Amino acid sequence: MSKNFDFKVNKSKNGYELRTSILELAYGQLWQDYYAKLGEFEASMTKEGDQIVTTVTMPTVPGIETVLSAAEKFYEFVNKKD
């Protein structure tokens, strides 16, 4: 005699999983933006007296505060009731 089992799969994420996904999304987006900007870094050359001075402006590496700020913006968007 065999029994049939019905399993229901709940594909909904809990709050922790949602926040983790949003954090991963923000992290990935910021690093994608960083690498895009890295490919377009700015370099300039100026003459100061008899010397040529080269200035290179690189994009800022996203830190934890930047990632958390972006994640909060994504989270606010997801929770918007409009």
PDB file of N, CA and C in Angstrom:
ATOM      1  N   MET A   1       0.843  -1.161   0.000  1.00  0.00           N
ATOM      2  CA  MET A   1       0.000   0.000   0.000  1.00  0.00           C
ATOM      3  C   MET A   1       0.898   1.237   0.000  1.00  0.00           C
ATOM      4  N   SER A   2       0.722   2.099  -0.954  1.00  0.00           N
ATOM      5  CA  SER A   2       1.534   3.309  -1.017  1.00  0.00           C
ATOM      6  C   SER A   2       0.658   4.528  -0.757  1.00  0.00           C
ATOM      7  N   LYS A   3       1.304   5.507  -0.159  1.00  0.00           N
ATOM      8  CA  LYS A   3       0.591   6.747   0.140  1.00  0.00           C
ATOM      9  C   LYS A   3       1.051   7.821  -0.837  1.00  0.00           C
ATOM     10  N   ASN A   4       0.147   8.648  -1.223  1.00  0.00           N
ATOM     11  CA  ASN A   4       0.495   9.778  -2.076  1.00  0.00           C
ATOM     12  C   ASN A   4       0.688  11.006  -1.195  1.00  0.00           C
ATOM     13  N   PHE A   5       1.782  11.659  -1.408  1.00  0.00           N
ATOM     14  CA  PHE A   5       2.066  12.878  -0.656  1.00  0.00           C
ATOM     15  C   PHE A   5       1.986  14.057  -1.609  1.00  0.00           C
ATOM     16  N   ASP A   6       1.270  15.062  -1.188  1.00  0.00           N
ATOM     17  CA  ASP A   6       1.200  16.292  -1.970  1.00  0.00           C
ATOM     18  C   ASP A   6       2.082  17.327  -1.293  1.00  0.00           C
ATOM     19  N   PHE A   7       3.078  17.762  -2.018  1.00  0.00           N
ATOM     20  CA  PHE A   7       3.964  18.796  -1.508  1.00  0.00           C
ATOM     21  C   PHE A   7       3.624  20.116  -2.186  1.00  0.00           C
ATOM     22  N   LYS A   8       3.511  21.133  -1.395  1.00  0.00           N
ATOM     23  CA  LYS A   8       3.289  22.460  -1.944  1.00  0.00           C
ATOM     24  C   LYS A   8       4.594  23.231  -1.812  1.00  0.00           C
ATOM     25  N   VAL A   9       5.023  23.772  -2.911  1.00  0.00           N
ATOM     26  CA  VAL A   9       6.256  24.532  -2.919  1.00  0.00           C
ATOM     27  C   VAL A   9       5.895  26.012  -2.804  1.00  0.00           C
ATOM     28  N   ASN A  10       6.435  26.629  -1.778  1.00  0.00           N
ATOM     29  CA  ASN A  10       6.203  28.050  -1.569  1.00  0.00           C
ATOM     30  C   ASN A  10       7.405  28.805  -2.133  1.00  0.00           C
ATOM     31  N   LYS A  11       7.184  29.503  -3.237  1.00  0.00           N
ATOM     32  CA  LYS A  11       8.284  30.210  -3.875  1.00  0.00           C
ATOM     33  C   LYS A  11       8.442  31.621  -3.323  1.00  0.00           C
ATOM     34  N   SER A  12       7.637  31.987  -2.374  1.00  0.00           N
ATOM     35  CA  SER A  12       7.760  33.310  -1.767  1.00  0.00           C
ATOM     36  C   SER A  12       8.972  33.332  -0.854  1.00  0.00           C
ATOM     37  N   LYS A  13       9.632  34.470  -0.834  1.00  0.00           N
ATOM     38  CA  LYS A  13      10.796  34.610   0.029  1.00  0.00           C
ATOM     39  C   LYS A  13      10.381  35.269   1.334  1.00  0.00           C
ATOM     40  N   ASN A  14      11.085  34.930   2.400  1.00  0.00           N
ATOM     41  CA  ASN A  14      10.821  35.602   3.664  1.00  0.00           C
ATOM     42  C   ASN A  14      11.548  36.949   3.664  1.00  0.00           C
ATOM     43  N   GLY A  15      11.356  37.725   4.709  1.00  0.00           N
ATOM     44  CA  GLY A  15      11.931  39.065   4.782  1.00  0.00           C
ATOM     45  C   GLY A  15      13.442  39.081   4.679  1.00  0.00           C
ATOM     46  N   TYR A  16      14.087  38.132   5.325  1.00  0.00           N
ATOM     47  CA  TYR A  16      15.556  38.073   5.274  1.00  0.00           C
ATOM     48  C   TYR A  16      16.046  37.782   3.859  1.00  0.00           C
ATOM     49  N   GLU A  17      15.378  36.853   3.191  1.00  0.00           N
ATOM     50  CA  GLU A  17      15.767  36.508   1.825  1.00  0.00           C
ATOM     51  C   GLU A  17      15.546  37.684   0.873  1.00  0.00           C
ATOM     52  N   LEU A  18      14.440  38.400   1.069  1.00  0.00           N
ATOM     53  CA  LEU A  18      14.179  39.572   0.232  1.00  0.00           C
ATOM     54  C   LEU A  18      15.234  40.648   0.425  1.00  0.00           C
ATOM     55  N   ARG A  19      15.564  40.937   1.676  1.00  0.00           N
ATOM     56  CA  ARG A  19      16.572  41.960   1.947  1.00  0.00           C
ATOM     57  C   ARG A  19      17.945  41.538   1.416  1.00  0.00           C
ATOM     58  N   THR A  20      18.260  40.266   1.520  1.00  0.00           N
ATOM     59  CA  THR A  20      19.523  39.761   0.975  1.00  0.00           C
ATOM     60  C   THR A  20      19.544  39.909  -0.539  1.00  0.00           C
ATOM     61  N   SER A  21      18.449  39.599  -1.194  1.00  0.00           N
ATOM     62  CA  SER A  21      18.371  39.743  -2.648  1.00  0.00           C
ATOM     63  C   SER A  21      18.522  41.202  -3.067  1.00  0.00           C
ATOM     64  N   ILE A  22      17.882  42.093  -2.325  1.00  0.00           N
ATOM     65  CA  ILE A  22      17.979  43.518  -2.638  1.00  0.00           C
ATOM     66  C   ILE A  22      19.403  44.018  -2.410  1.00  0.00           C
ATOM     67  N   LEU A  23      20.041  43.552  -1.348  1.00  0.00           N
ATOM     68  CA  LEU A  23      21.426  43.930  -1.077  1.00  0.00           C
ATOM     69  C   LEU A  23      22.350  43.433  -2.195  1.00  0.00           C
ATOM     70  N   GLU A  24      22.144  42.211  -2.649  1.00  0.00           N
ATOM     71  CA  GLU A  24      22.935  41.661  -3.750  1.00  0.00           C
ATOM     72  C   GLU A  24      22.703  42.455  -5.032  1.00  0.00           C
ATOM     73  N   LEU A  25      21.457  42.860  -5.265  1.00  0.00           N
ATOM     74  CA  LEU A  25      21.135  43.662  -6.437  1.00  0.00           C
ATOM     75  C   LEU A  25      21.861  45.001  -6.396  1.00  0.00           C
ATOM     76  N   ALA A  26      21.825  45.666  -5.250  1.00  0.00           N
ATOM     77  CA  ALA A  26      22.494  46.959  -5.095  1.00  0.00           C
ATOM     78  C   ALA A  26      24.003  46.803  -5.267  1.00  0.00           C
ATOM     79  N   TYR A  27      24.577  45.798  -4.645  1.00  0.00           N
ATOM     80  CA  TYR A  27      26.013  45.535  -4.742  1.00  0.00           C
ATOM     81  C   TYR A  27      26.426  45.323  -6.194  1.00  0.00           C
ATOM     82  N   GLY A  28      25.686  44.474  -6.881  1.00  0.00           N
ATOM     83  CA  GLY A  28      25.995  44.186  -8.281  1.00  0.00           C
ATOM     84  C   GLY A  28      25.857  45.414  -9.162  1.00  0.00           C
ATOM     85  N   GLN A  29      24.816  46.198  -8.931  1.00  0.00           N
ATOM     86  CA  GLN A  29      24.596  47.392  -9.735  1.00  0.00           C
ATOM     87  C   GLN A  29      25.709  48.417  -9.541  1.00  0.00           C
ATOM     88  N   LEU A  30      26.113  48.631  -8.296  1.00  0.00           N
ATOM     89  CA  LEU A  30      27.171  49.600  -8.022  1.00  0.00           C
ATOM     90  C   LEU A  30      28.503  49.182  -8.632  1.00  0.00           C
ATOM     91  N   TRP A  31      28.826  47.900  -8.554  1.00  0.00           N
ATOM     92  CA  TRP A  31      30.080  47.443  -9.151  1.00  0.00           C
ATOM     93  C   TRP A  31      30.016  47.483 -10.670  1.00  0.00           C
ATOM     94  N   GLN A  32      28.852  47.226 -11.234  1.00  0.00           N
ATOM     95  CA  GLN A  32      28.688  47.340 -12.682  1.00  0.00           C
ATOM     96  C   GLN A  32      28.910  48.794 -13.104  1.00  0.00           C
ATOM     97  N   ASP A  33      28.336  49.731 -12.369  1.00  0.00           N
ATOM     98  CA  ASP A  33      28.548  51.151 -12.651  1.00  0.00           C
ATOM     99  C   ASP A  33      30.024  51.524 -12.505  1.00  0.00           C
ATOM    100  N   TYR A  34      30.675  51.001 -11.458  1.00  0.00           N
ATOM    101  CA  TYR A  34      32.095  51.294 -11.227  1.00  0.00           C
ATOM    102  C   TYR A  34      32.943  50.847 -12.419  1.00  0.00           C
ATOM    103  N   TYR A  35      32.739  49.618 -12.879  1.00  0.00           N
ATOM    104  CA  TYR A  35      33.544  49.109 -13.984  1.00  0.00           C
ATOM    105  C   TYR A  35      33.259  49.862 -15.282  1.00  0.00           C
ATOM    106  N   ALA A  36      32.019  50.309 -15.467  1.00  0.00           N
ATOM    107  CA  ALA A  36      31.709  51.124 -16.645  1.00  0.00           C
ATOM    108  C   ALA A  36      32.462  52.448 -16.578  1.00  0.00           C
ATOM    109  N   LYS A  37      32.499  53.060 -15.407  1.00  0.00           N
ATOM    110  CA  LYS A  37      33.212  54.320 -15.232  1.00  0.00           C
ATOM    111  C   LYS A  37      34.724  54.117 -15.307  1.00  0.00           C
ATOM    112  N   LEU A  38      35.200  52.980 -14.842  1.00  0.00           N
ATOM    113  CA  LEU A  38      36.632  52.683 -14.888  1.00  0.00           C
ATOM    114  C   LEU A  38      37.132  52.670 -16.328  1.00  0.00           C
ATOM    115  N   GLY A  39      36.306  52.205 -17.228  1.00  0.00           N
ATOM    116  CA  GLY A  39      36.670  52.181 -18.641  1.00  0.00           C
ATOM    117  C   GLY A  39      36.717  53.566 -19.259  1.00  0.00           C
ATOM    118  N   GLU A  40      36.154  54.534 -18.568  1.00  0.00           N
ATOM    119  CA  GLU A  40      36.108  55.900 -19.088  1.00  0.00           C
ATOM    120  C   GLU A  40      36.837  56.874 -18.170  1.00  0.00           C
ATOM    121  N   PHE A  41      37.846  56.398 -17.433  1.00  0.00           N
ATOM    122  CA  PHE A  41      38.524  57.279 -16.483  1.00  0.00           C
ATOM    123  C   PHE A  41      39.115  58.482 -17.207  1.00  0.00           C
ATOM    124  N   GLU A  42      39.258  59.546 -16.468  1.00  0.00           N
ATOM    125  CA  GLU A  42      39.699  60.811 -17.055  1.00  0.00           C
ATOM    126  C   GLU A  42      41.182  61.032 -16.793  1.00  0.00           C
ATOM    127  N   ALA A  43      41.884  61.377 -17.833  1.00  0.00           N
ATOM    128  CA  ALA A  43      43.305  61.713 -17.703  1.00  0.00           C
ATOM    129  C   ALA A  43      43.522  63.063 -18.383  1.00  0.00           C
ATOM    130  N   SER A  44      44.300  63.899 -17.731  1.00  0.00           N
ATOM    131  CA  SER A  44      44.611  65.197 -18.335  1.00  0.00           C
ATOM    132  C   SER A  44      46.083  65.514 -18.108  1.00  0.00           C
ATOM    133  N   MET A  45      46.617  66.301 -19.017  1.00  0.00           N
ATOM    134  CA  MET A  45      48.022  66.712 -18.919  1.00  0.00           C
ATOM    135  C   MET A  45      48.069  68.235 -18.944  1.00  0.00           C
ATOM    136  N   THR A  46      48.832  68.798 -18.033  1.00  0.00           N
ATOM    137  CA  THR A  46      49.018  70.245 -17.998  1.00  0.00           C
ATOM    138  C   THR A  46      50.499  70.547 -17.868  1.00  0.00           C
ATOM    139  N   LYS A  47      50.849  71.720 -18.270  1.00  0.00           N
ATOM    140  CA  LYS A  47      52.254  72.130 -18.164  1.00  0.00           C
ATOM    141  C   LYS A  47      52.369  73.133 -17.029  1.00  0.00           C
ATOM    142  N   GLU A  48      53.235  72.818 -16.094  1.00  0.00           N
ATOM    143  CA  GLU A  48      53.513  73.711 -14.972  1.00  0.00           C
ATOM    144  C   GLU A  48      55.002  74.057 -15.012  1.00  0.00           C
ATOM    145  N   GLY A  49      55.272  75.228 -15.509  1.00  0.00           N
ATOM    146  CA  GLY A  49      56.682  75.601 -15.668  1.00  0.00           C
ATOM    147  C   GLY A  49      57.310  74.759 -16.756  1.00  0.00           C
ATOM    148  N   ASP A  50      58.396  74.079 -16.421  1.00  0.00           N
ATOM    149  CA  ASP A  50      59.084  73.229 -17.386  1.00  0.00           C
ATOM    150  C   ASP A  50      58.646  71.766 -17.301  1.00  0.00           C
ATOM    151  N   GLN A  51      57.685  71.479 -16.436  1.00  0.00           N
ATOM    152  CA  GLN A  51      57.273  70.086 -16.240  1.00  0.00           C
ATOM    153  C   GLN A  51      55.864  69.847 -16.758  1.00  0.00           C
ATOM    154  N   ILE A  52      55.642  68.647 -17.236  1.00  0.00           N
ATOM    155  CA  ILE A  52      54.303  68.229 -17.652  1.00  0.00           C
ATOM    156  C   ILE A  52      53.726  67.394 -16.522  1.00  0.00           C
ATOM    157  N   VAL A  53      52.566  67.795 -16.046  1.00  0.00           N
ATOM    158  CA  VAL A  53      51.911  67.109 -14.938  1.00  0.00           C
ATOM    159  C   VAL A  53      50.714  66.343 -15.485  1.00  0.00           C
ATOM    160  N   THR A  54      50.691  65.063 -15.198  1.00  0.00           N
ATOM    161  CA  THR A  54      49.583  64.211 -15.626  1.00  0.00           C
ATOM    162  C   THR A  54      48.671  63.954 -14.432  1.00  0.00           C
ATOM    163  N   THR A  55      47.392  64.193 -14.622  1.00  0.00           N
ATOM    164  CA  THR A  55      46.400  63.948 -13.569  1.00  0.00           C
ATOM    165  C   THR A  55      45.433  62.882 -14.059  1.00  0.00           C
ATOM    166  N   VAL A  56      45.231  61.860 -13.245  1.00  0.00           N
ATOM    167  CA  VAL A  56      44.293  60.795 -13.583  1.00  0.00           C
ATOM    168  C   VAL A  56      43.202  60.785 -12.525  1.00  0.00           C
ATOM    169  N   THR A  57      41.954  60.885 -12.977  1.00  0.00           N
ATOM    170  CA  THR A  57      40.816  60.850 -12.066  1.00  0.00           C
ATOM    171  C   THR A  57      40.118  59.507 -12.228  1.00  0.00           C
ATOM    172  N   MET A  58      40.142  58.709 -11.180  1.00  0.00           N
ATOM    173  CA  MET A  58      39.529  57.384 -11.208  1.00  0.00           C
ATOM    174  C   MET A  58      38.195  57.434 -10.483  1.00  0.00           C
ATOM    175  N   PRO A  59      37.271  56.540 -10.830  1.00  0.00           N
ATOM    176  CA  PRO A  59      36.001  56.498 -10.108  1.00  0.00           C
ATOM    177  C   PRO A  59      36.205  56.000  -8.684  1.00  0.00           C
ATOM    178  N   THR A  60      35.299  56.386  -7.820  1.00  0.00           N
ATOM    179  CA  THR A  60      35.356  55.963  -6.422  1.00  0.00           C
ATOM    180  C   THR A  60      34.849  54.529  -6.291  1.00  0.00           C
ATOM    181  N   VAL A  61      35.602  53.714  -5.587  1.00  0.00           N
ATOM    182  CA  VAL A  61      35.197  52.334  -5.348  1.00  0.00           C
ATOM    183  C   VAL A  61      34.017  52.344  -4.378  1.00  0.00           C
ATOM    184  N   PRO A  62      32.927  51.638  -4.707  1.00  0.00           N
ATOM    185  CA  PRO A  62      31.769  51.655  -3.813  1.00  0.00           C
ATOM    186  C   PRO A  62      32.077  50.956  -2.487  1.00  0.00           C
ATOM    187  N   GLY A  63      31.880  51.670  -1.401  1.00  0.00           N
ATOM    188  CA  GLY A  63      32.083  51.117  -0.070  1.00  0.00           C
ATOM    189  C   GLY A  63      30.772  50.623   0.509  1.00  0.00           C
ATOM    190  N   ILE A  64      30.834  50.141   1.720  1.00  0.00           N
ATOM    191  CA  ILE A  64      29.654  49.548   2.362  1.00  0.00           C
ATOM    192  C   ILE A  64      28.534  50.565   2.535  1.00  0.00           C
ATOM    193  N   GLU A  65      28.874  51.809   2.865  1.00  0.00           N
ATOM    194  CA  GLU A  65      27.843  52.838   3.043  1.00  0.00           C
ATOM    195  C   GLU A  65      27.113  53.110   1.730  1.00  0.00           C
ATOM    196  N   THR A  66      27.848  53.137   0.635  1.00  0.00           N
ATOM    197  CA  THR A  66      27.242  53.367  -0.676  1.00  0.00           C
ATOM    198  C   THR A  66      26.332  52.204  -1.052  1.00  0.00           C
ATOM    199  N   VAL A  67      26.795  50.987  -0.786  1.00  0.00           N
ATOM    200  CA  VAL A  67      25.991  49.797  -1.093  1.00  0.00           C
ATOM    201  C   VAL A  67      24.718  49.795  -0.256  1.00  0.00           C
ATOM    202  N   LEU A  68      24.833  50.074   1.039  1.00  0.00           N
ATOM    203  CA  LEU A  68      23.649  50.087   1.903  1.00  0.00           C
ATOM    204  C   LEU A  68      22.676  51.187   1.501  1.00  0.00           C
ATOM    205  N   SER A  69      23.187  52.337   1.116  1.00  0.00           N
ATOM    206  CA  SER A  69      22.329  53.433   0.671  1.00  0.00           C
ATOM    207  C   SER A  69      21.557  53.034  -0.588  1.00  0.00           C
ATOM    208  N   ALA A  70      22.245  52.415  -1.527  1.00  0.00           N
ATOM    209  CA  ALA A  70      21.584  51.963  -2.758  1.00  0.00           C
ATOM    210  C   ALA A  70      20.559  50.880  -2.450  1.00  0.00           C
ATOM    211  N   ALA A  71      20.888  49.966  -1.543  1.00  0.00           N
ATOM    212  CA  ALA A  71      19.959  48.899  -1.161  1.00  0.00           C
ATOM    213  C   ALA A  71      18.705  49.489  -0.530  1.00  0.00           C
ATOM    214  N   GLU A  72      18.863  50.515   0.295  1.00  0.00           N
ATOM    215  CA  GLU A  72      17.698  51.169   0.909  1.00  0.00           C
ATOM    216  C   GLU A  72      16.800  51.785  -0.164  1.00  0.00           C
ATOM    217  N   LYS A  73      17.397  52.379  -1.181  1.00  0.00           N
ATOM    218  CA  LYS A  73      16.602  52.959  -2.272  1.00  0.00           C
ATOM    219  C   LYS A  73      15.833  51.874  -3.015  1.00  0.00           C
ATOM    220  N   PHE A  74      16.492  50.741  -3.294  1.00  0.00           N
ATOM    221  CA  PHE A  74      15.799  49.623  -3.943  1.00  0.00           C
ATOM    222  C   PHE A  74      14.678  49.110  -3.043  1.00  0.00           C
ATOM    223  N   TYR A  75      14.942  48.989  -1.754  1.00  0.00           N
ATOM    224  CA  TYR A  75      13.954  48.475  -0.798  1.00  0.00           C
ATOM    225  C   TYR A  75      12.746  49.409  -0.721  1.00  0.00           C
ATOM    226  N   GLU A  76      12.985  50.717  -0.686  1.00  0.00           N
ATOM    227  CA  GLU A  76      11.891  51.685  -0.668  1.00  0.00           C
ATOM    228  C   GLU A  76      11.048  51.563  -1.936  1.00  0.00           C
ATOM    229  N   PHE A  77      11.716  51.361  -3.064  1.00  0.00           N
ATOM    230  CA  PHE A  77      10.989  51.201  -4.326  1.00  0.00           C
ATOM    231  C   PHE A  77      10.106  49.957  -4.290  1.00  0.00           C
ATOM    232  N   VAL A  78      10.646  48.859  -3.797  1.00  0.00           N
ATOM    233  CA  VAL A  78       9.886  47.606  -3.737  1.00  0.00           C
ATOM    234  C   VAL A  78       8.680  47.739  -2.808  1.00  0.00           C
ATOM    235  N   ASN A  79       8.835  48.467  -1.718  1.00  0.00           N
ATOM    236  CA  ASN A  79       7.755  48.622  -0.739  1.00  0.00           C
ATOM    237  C   ASN A  79       6.766  49.728  -1.075  1.00  0.00           C
ATOM    238  N   LYS A  80       6.996  50.440  -2.168  1.00  0.00           N
ATOM    239  CA  LYS A  80       6.100  51.534  -2.562  1.00  0.00           C
ATOM    240  C   LYS A  80       4.692  50.994  -2.796  1.00  0.00           C
ATOM    241  N   LYS A  81       3.716  51.679  -2.322  1.00  0.00           N
ATOM    242  CA  LYS A  81       2.326  51.232  -2.413  1.00  0.00           C
ATOM    243  C   LYS A  81       1.577  51.830  -3.610  1.00  0.00           C
ATOM    244  N   ASP A  82       2.267  52.511  -4.493  1.00  0.00           N
ATOM    245  CA  ASP A  82       1.589  53.161  -5.626  1.00  0.00           C
ATOM    246  C   ASP A  82       1.079  52.163  -6.630  1.00  0.00           C
TER     247      ASP A  82
END
